[in-house]
C-alpha atoms as a PDB file:
ATOM      1  CA  MET A   1      26.371  50.812 -26.511  1.00  0.00           C
ATOM      2  CA  LYS A   2      24.630  50.437 -23.206  1.00  0.00           C
ATOM      3  CA  GLU A   3      23.733  46.884 -22.064  1.00  0.00           C
ATOM      4  CA  PHE A   4      20.003  46.302 -21.651  1.00  0.00           C
ATOM      5  CA  ARG A   5      18.782  44.607 -18.467  1.00  0.00           C
ATOM      6  CA  PHE A   6      15.185  43.736 -17.869  1.00  0.00           C
ATOM      7  CA  ARG A   7      13.927  44.840 -14.467  1.00  0.00           C
ATOM      8  CA  PRO A   8      10.365  43.955 -13.610  1.00  0.00           C
ATOM      9  CA  PRO A   9       8.341  46.771 -12.137  1.00  0.00           C
ATOM     10  CA  ALA A  10       8.653  47.044  -8.366  1.00  0.00           C
ATOM     11  CA  ARG A  11       4.974  46.291  -7.900  1.00  0.00           C
ATOM     12  CA  PHE A  12       5.649  42.596  -8.787  1.00  0.00           C
ATOM     13  CA  TRP A  13       7.923  42.148  -5.778  1.00  0.00           C
ATOM     14  CA  ARG A  14       5.790  43.614  -3.021  1.00  0.00           C
ATOM     15  CA  PRO A  15       5.821  41.434   0.140  1.00  0.00           C
ATOM     16  CA  GLU A  16       2.070  40.824   0.016  1.00  0.00           C
ATOM     17  CA  LEU A  17       2.443  39.272  -3.439  1.00  0.00           C
ATOM     18  CA  PHE A  18       5.251  36.939  -2.367  1.00  0.00           C
ATOM     19  CA  ILE A  19       2.827  34.253  -1.136  1.00  0.00           C
ATOM     20  CA  LEU A  20       0.872  34.419  -4.376  1.00  0.00           C
ATOM     21  CA  TRP A  21       4.068  34.008  -6.412  1.00  0.00           C
ATOM     22  CA  ALA A  22       5.186  31.089  -4.211  1.00  0.00           C
ATOM     23  CA  ILE A  23       1.848  29.289  -4.626  1.00  0.00           C
ATOM     24  CA  LEU A  24       1.907  29.859  -8.364  1.00  0.00           C
ATOM     25  CA  PHE A  25       5.463  28.532  -8.638  1.00  0.00           C
ATOM     26  CA  LEU A  26       4.798  25.436  -6.532  1.00  0.00           C
ATOM     27  CA  SER A  27       1.567  24.544  -8.285  1.00  0.00           C
ATOM     28  CA  THR A  28       3.130  24.792 -11.736  1.00  0.00           C
ATOM     29  CA  SER A  29       6.342  22.991 -10.815  1.00  0.00           C
ATOM     30  CA  GLY A  30       4.631  19.792  -9.647  1.00  0.00           C
ATOM     31  CA  LEU A  31       5.673  20.287  -6.037  1.00  0.00           C
ATOM     32  CA  SER A  32       2.306  21.259  -4.603  1.00  0.00           C
ATOM     33  CA  ALA A  33       0.912  19.467  -1.588  1.00  0.00           C
ATOM     34  CA  ALA A  34      -1.999  18.351  -3.733  1.00  0.00           C
ATOM     35  CA  SER A  35       0.338  16.312  -5.908  1.00  0.00           C
ATOM     36  CA  SER A  36      -0.570  12.627  -6.123  1.00  0.00           C
ATOM     37  CA  ASP A  37       2.975  11.762  -5.001  1.00  0.00           C
ATOM     38  CA  PHE A  38       2.235  12.839  -1.442  1.00  0.00           C
ATOM     39  CA  GLY A  39       0.074  11.213   1.221  1.00  0.00           C
ATOM     40  CA  PRO A  40      -0.237   7.733   2.729  1.00  0.00           C
ATOM     41  CA  ARG A  41       0.727   4.870   0.423  1.00  0.00           C
ATOM     42  CA  LEU A  42       0.804   1.102   0.459  1.00  0.00           C
ATOM     43  CA  VAL A  43       4.156   0.248  -1.102  1.00  0.00           C
ATOM     44  CA  VAL A  44       5.378  -3.139  -2.324  1.00  0.00           C
ATOM     45  CA  SER A  45       9.068  -3.170  -3.216  1.00  0.00           C
ATOM     46  CA  ASN A  46      11.732  -5.704  -4.059  1.00  0.00           C
ATOM     47  CA  PHE A  47      13.393  -6.501  -0.719  1.00  0.00           C
ATOM     48  CA  SER A  48      16.839  -6.961  -2.297  1.00  0.00           C
ATOM     49  CA  THR A  49      16.928  -3.967  -4.638  1.00  0.00           C
ATOM     50  CA  ALA A  50      14.332  -1.593  -3.066  1.00  0.00           C
ATOM     51  CA  GLU A  51      12.793  -1.171  -6.544  1.00  0.00           C
ATOM     52  CA  VAL A  52       9.100  -0.337  -6.185  1.00  0.00           C
ATOM     53  CA  ILE A  53       6.854  -3.047  -7.638  1.00  0.00           C
ATOM     54  CA  THR A  54       3.623  -1.176  -6.969  1.00  0.00           C
ATOM     55  CA  SER A  55       2.448   1.750  -4.882  1.00  0.00           C
ATOM     56  CA  LEU A  56      -1.146   2.633  -4.023  1.00  0.00           C
ATOM     57  CA  LYS A  57      -2.471   5.885  -2.623  1.00  0.00           C
ATOM     58  CA  VAL A  58      -4.473   4.865   0.478  1.00  0.00           C
ATOM     59  CA  LYS A  59      -6.156   6.360   3.527  1.00  0.00           C
ATOM     60  CA  ILE A  60      -5.297   5.804   7.170  1.00  0.00           C
ATOM     61  CA  GLY A  61      -7.754   3.326   8.693  1.00  0.00           C
ATOM     62  CA  ASP A  62      -8.622   1.705   5.351  1.00  0.00           C
ATOM     63  CA  ARG A  63      -8.309  -2.009   4.753  1.00  0.00           C
ATOM     64  CA  PHE A  64      -6.843  -4.041   1.923  1.00  0.00           C
ATOM     65  CA  THR A  65      -6.776  -7.756   1.192  1.00  0.00           C
ATOM     66  CA  ILE A  66      -4.120 -10.077  -0.174  1.00  0.00           C
ATOM     67  CA  ARG A  67      -5.619 -13.023  -2.063  1.00  0.00           C
ATOM     68  CA  TYR A  68      -3.663 -16.038  -3.239  1.00  0.00           C
ATOM     69  CA  ILE A  69      -4.037 -19.731  -4.042  1.00  0.00           C
ATOM     70  CA  HIS A  70      -2.617 -22.228  -1.520  1.00  0.00           C
ATOM     71  CA  SER A  71       0.363 -23.956  -3.147  1.00  0.00           C
ATOM     72  CA  VAL A  72      -0.564 -27.468  -1.942  1.00  0.00           C
ATOM     73  CA  ASP A  73      -4.356 -27.493  -1.635  1.00  0.00           C
ATOM     74  CA  LYS A  74      -5.003 -25.134  -4.587  1.00  0.00           C
ATOM     75  CA  THR A  75      -7.717 -23.314  -2.605  1.00  0.00           C
ATOM     76  CA  PRO A  76      -8.147 -19.528  -2.186  1.00  0.00           C
ATOM     77  CA  ILE A  77      -6.875 -17.736   0.912  1.00  0.00           C
ATOM     78  CA  PHE A  78      -7.663 -14.140   1.865  1.00  0.00           C
ATOM     79  CA  GLU A  79      -5.859 -12.014   4.456  1.00  0.00           C
ATOM     80  CA  GLU A  80      -7.214  -8.591   5.430  1.00  0.00           C
ATOM     81  CA  PHE A  81      -4.998  -5.814   6.794  1.00  0.00           C
ATOM     82  CA  ARG A  82      -5.754  -2.420   8.318  1.00  0.00           C
ATOM     83  CA  LEU A  83      -3.568   0.625   7.599  1.00  0.00           C
ATOM     84  CA  ASP A  84      -2.764   2.088  11.020  1.00  0.00           C
ATOM     85  CA  ARG A  85      -0.892   5.372  11.530  1.00  0.00           C
ATOM     86  CA  ASP A  86       1.029   4.118  14.587  1.00  0.00           C
ATOM     87  CA  GLN A  87       1.294   0.352  14.011  1.00  0.00           C
ATOM     88  CA  GLY A  88       1.658   0.216  10.243  1.00  0.00           C
ATOM     89  CA  LEU A  89       0.044  -2.901   8.786  1.00  0.00           C
ATOM     90  CA  VAL A  90      -2.254  -4.769  11.172  1.00  0.00           C
ATOM     91  CA  LEU A  91      -3.533  -8.257  10.287  1.00  0.00           C
ATOM     92  CA  GLU A  92      -7.254  -8.222  11.108  1.00  0.00           C
ATOM     93  CA  LYS A  93      -8.663 -11.418   9.655  1.00  0.00           C
ATOM     94  CA  THR A  94      -8.093 -14.320   7.329  1.00  0.00           C
ATOM     95  CA  TRP A  95     -10.493 -16.665   5.588  1.00  0.00           C
ATOM     96  CA  PHE A  96     -10.129 -19.841   3.548  1.00  0.00           C
ATOM     97  CA  THR A  97     -12.156 -22.879   2.472  1.00  0.00           C
ATOM     98  CA  MET A  98     -10.273 -25.605   4.339  1.00  0.00           C
ATOM     99  CA  PHE A  99      -7.502 -26.104   6.861  1.00  0.00           C
ATOM    100  CA  GLY A 100      -4.537 -26.949   4.671  1.00  0.00           C
ATOM    101  CA  ALA A 101      -0.804 -27.226   5.154  1.00  0.00           C
ATOM    102  CA  GLY A 102       0.350 -24.292   7.263  1.00  0.00           C
ATOM    103  CA  LEU A 103      -3.163 -23.066   7.962  1.00  0.00           C
ATOM    104  CA  GLY A 104      -4.978 -23.251  11.230  1.00  0.00           C
ATOM    105  CA  HIS A 105      -6.170 -21.321  14.206  1.00  0.00           C
ATOM    106  CA  TRP A 106      -3.413 -19.526  16.076  1.00  0.00           C
ATOM    107  CA  SER A 107      -4.564 -20.006  19.654  1.00  0.00           C
ATOM    108  CA  GLY A 108      -5.187 -16.709  21.430  1.00  0.00           C
ATOM    109  CA  HIS A 109      -5.270 -14.717  18.173  1.00  0.00           C
ATOM    110  CA  GLY A 110      -8.743 -14.036  16.864  1.00  0.00           C
ATOM    111  CA  ASP A 111     -12.107 -15.740  16.840  1.00  0.00           C
ATOM    112  CA  LEU A 112     -12.655 -18.794  14.659  1.00  0.00           C
ATOM    113  CA  THR A 113     -15.986 -19.153  12.843  1.00  0.00           C
ATOM    114  CA  GLN A 114     -17.101 -21.524  10.121  1.00  0.00           C
ATOM    115  CA  ASP A 115     -20.052 -21.634   7.748  1.00  0.00           C
ATOM    116  CA  ALA A 116     -20.855 -23.912   4.823  1.00  0.00           C
ATOM    117  CA  ASP A 117     -18.240 -22.298   2.578  1.00  0.00           C
ATOM    118  CA  TRP A 118     -15.588 -20.504   4.627  1.00  0.00           C
ATOM    119  CA  ILE A 119     -13.464 -20.807   7.740  1.00  0.00           C
ATOM    120  CA  THR A 120     -12.819 -17.308   9.081  1.00  0.00           C
ATOM    121  CA  ILE A 121     -10.546 -16.035  11.825  1.00  0.00           C
ATOM    122  CA  ASN A 122     -11.732 -12.550  12.852  1.00  0.00           C
ATOM    123  CA  ASN A 123     -10.314 -10.064  15.371  1.00  0.00           C
ATOM    124  CA  ILE A 124      -6.704 -11.178  14.970  1.00  0.00           C
ATOM    125  CA  GLU A 125      -5.441  -7.595  15.519  1.00  0.00           C
ATOM    126  CA  LYS A 126      -1.782  -8.560  15.005  1.00  0.00           C
ATOM    127  CA  PRO A 127       0.413  -5.471  14.375  1.00  0.00           C
ATOM    128  CA  LEU A 128       3.048  -6.324  11.773  1.00  0.00           C
ATOM    129  CA  GLY A 129       4.411  -2.900  10.922  1.00  0.00           C
ATOM    130  CA  SER A 130       5.599  -4.210   7.565  1.00  0.00           C
ATOM    131  CA  PHE A 131       6.279  -7.721   6.330  1.00  0.00           C
ATOM    132  CA  ILE A 132       8.180  -9.748   3.751  1.00  0.00           C
ATOM    133  CA  LEU A 133       6.099 -11.557   1.134  1.00  0.00           C
ATOM    134  CA  ARG A 134       7.556 -14.087  -1.269  1.00  0.00           C
ATOM    135  CA  ILE A 135       5.438 -13.395  -4.314  1.00  0.00           C
ATOM    136  CA  GLY A 136       4.281 -16.663  -5.820  1.00  0.00           C
ATOM    137  CA  ALA A 137       4.249 -17.804  -9.425  1.00  0.00           C
ATOM    138  CA  LEU A 138       1.403 -16.910 -11.787  1.00  0.00           C
ATOM    139  CA  ASN A 139      -0.699 -19.880 -10.624  1.00  0.00           C
ATOM    140  CA  VAL A 140      -0.477 -18.618  -7.013  1.00  0.00           C
ATOM    141  CA  GLY A 141      -1.885 -15.266  -8.060  1.00  0.00           C
ATOM    142  CA  HIS A 142      -0.809 -13.075  -5.132  1.00  0.00           C
ATOM    143  CA  THR A 143      -3.179 -10.141  -5.593  1.00  0.00           C
ATOM    144  CA  ILE A 144      -3.708  -6.951  -3.600  1.00  0.00           C
ATOM    145  CA  ILE A 145      -7.347  -5.874  -3.456  1.00  0.00           C
ATOM    146  CA  TYR A 146      -7.980  -2.283  -2.374  1.00  0.00           C
ATOM    147  CA  HIS A 147     -11.495  -0.974  -2.951  1.00  0.00           C
ATOM    148  CA  ASP A 148     -12.105  -1.603  -6.665  1.00  0.00           C
ATOM    149  CA  GLN A 149      -8.404  -1.999  -7.540  1.00  0.00           C
ATOM    150  CA  LYS A 150      -6.831  -5.424  -8.048  1.00  0.00           C
ATOM    151  CA  ILE A 151      -3.074  -5.634  -8.524  1.00  0.00           C
ATOM    152  CA  ASN A 152      -1.729  -9.070  -9.375  1.00  0.00           C
ATOM    153  CA  LEU A 153       1.759  -9.128  -7.860  1.00  0.00           C
ATOM    154  CA  SER A 154       2.423 -12.559  -9.383  1.00  0.00           C
ATOM    155  CA  ARG A 155       2.185 -10.983 -12.848  1.00  0.00           C
ATOM    156  CA  LEU A 156       4.439  -8.068 -11.881  1.00  0.00           C
ATOM    157  CA  ALA A 157       7.194  -9.862  -9.942  1.00  0.00           C
ATOM    158  CA  PRO A 158       6.841 -13.654  -9.623  1.00  0.00           C
ATOM    159  CA  GLY A 159       9.305 -15.253  -7.211  1.00  0.00           C
ATOM    160  CA  VAL A 160      10.480 -11.936  -5.745  1.00  0.00           C
ATOM    161  CA  ARG A 161      10.912 -11.401  -2.003  1.00  0.00           C
ATOM    162  CA  ALA A 162       8.953  -8.218  -1.476  1.00  0.00           C
ATOM    163  CA  LEU A 163       8.646  -5.750   1.374  1.00  0.00           C
ATOM    164  CA  VAL A 164       5.027  -4.723   1.976  1.00  0.00           C
ATOM    165  CA  GLU A 165       4.779  -1.493   3.968  1.00  0.00           C
ATOM    166  CA  PHE A 166       2.566   1.476   4.798  1.00  0.00           C
ATOM    167  CA  LYS A 167       4.247   4.851   4.277  1.00  0.00           C
ATOM    168  CA  LEU A 168       2.920   8.211   5.437  1.00  0.00           C
ATOM    169  CA  TRP A 169       4.754  10.406   2.868  1.00  0.00           C
END
């Protein structure tokens, strides 16, 4: 008995159809460029194990804020960062309600303003690339705010030394 082998008609393998087949394969295999796994991301990972704690799809030039409660004064502190293609994370400004332990104006870095409620340091423009953040306990509430998203790192990984970085995947 003769062995049967399936051979698709030659018209399926014409060179002009190769691109169409490649696009079809990539789009159905989850490897397409439109996949949500690709593109710039803000990544927070455990510094010791490299395990990802959270990862946000972001846009170059966007800003995000880290909010937390000062461990001694129990007052809110906000730090705003810009996502820069060349410099990574850039600290742009910080604002808080009172000068507490470890807080103050860093001479030569930014412009200090104060109103009835907040002390603000604008125009800091300090390129950090990436940085290490010791995520505080639940009462510290280290939270990333990006547009309408709020991610409470203190709930996800309290006490962890985390690497905060901007990746251009």
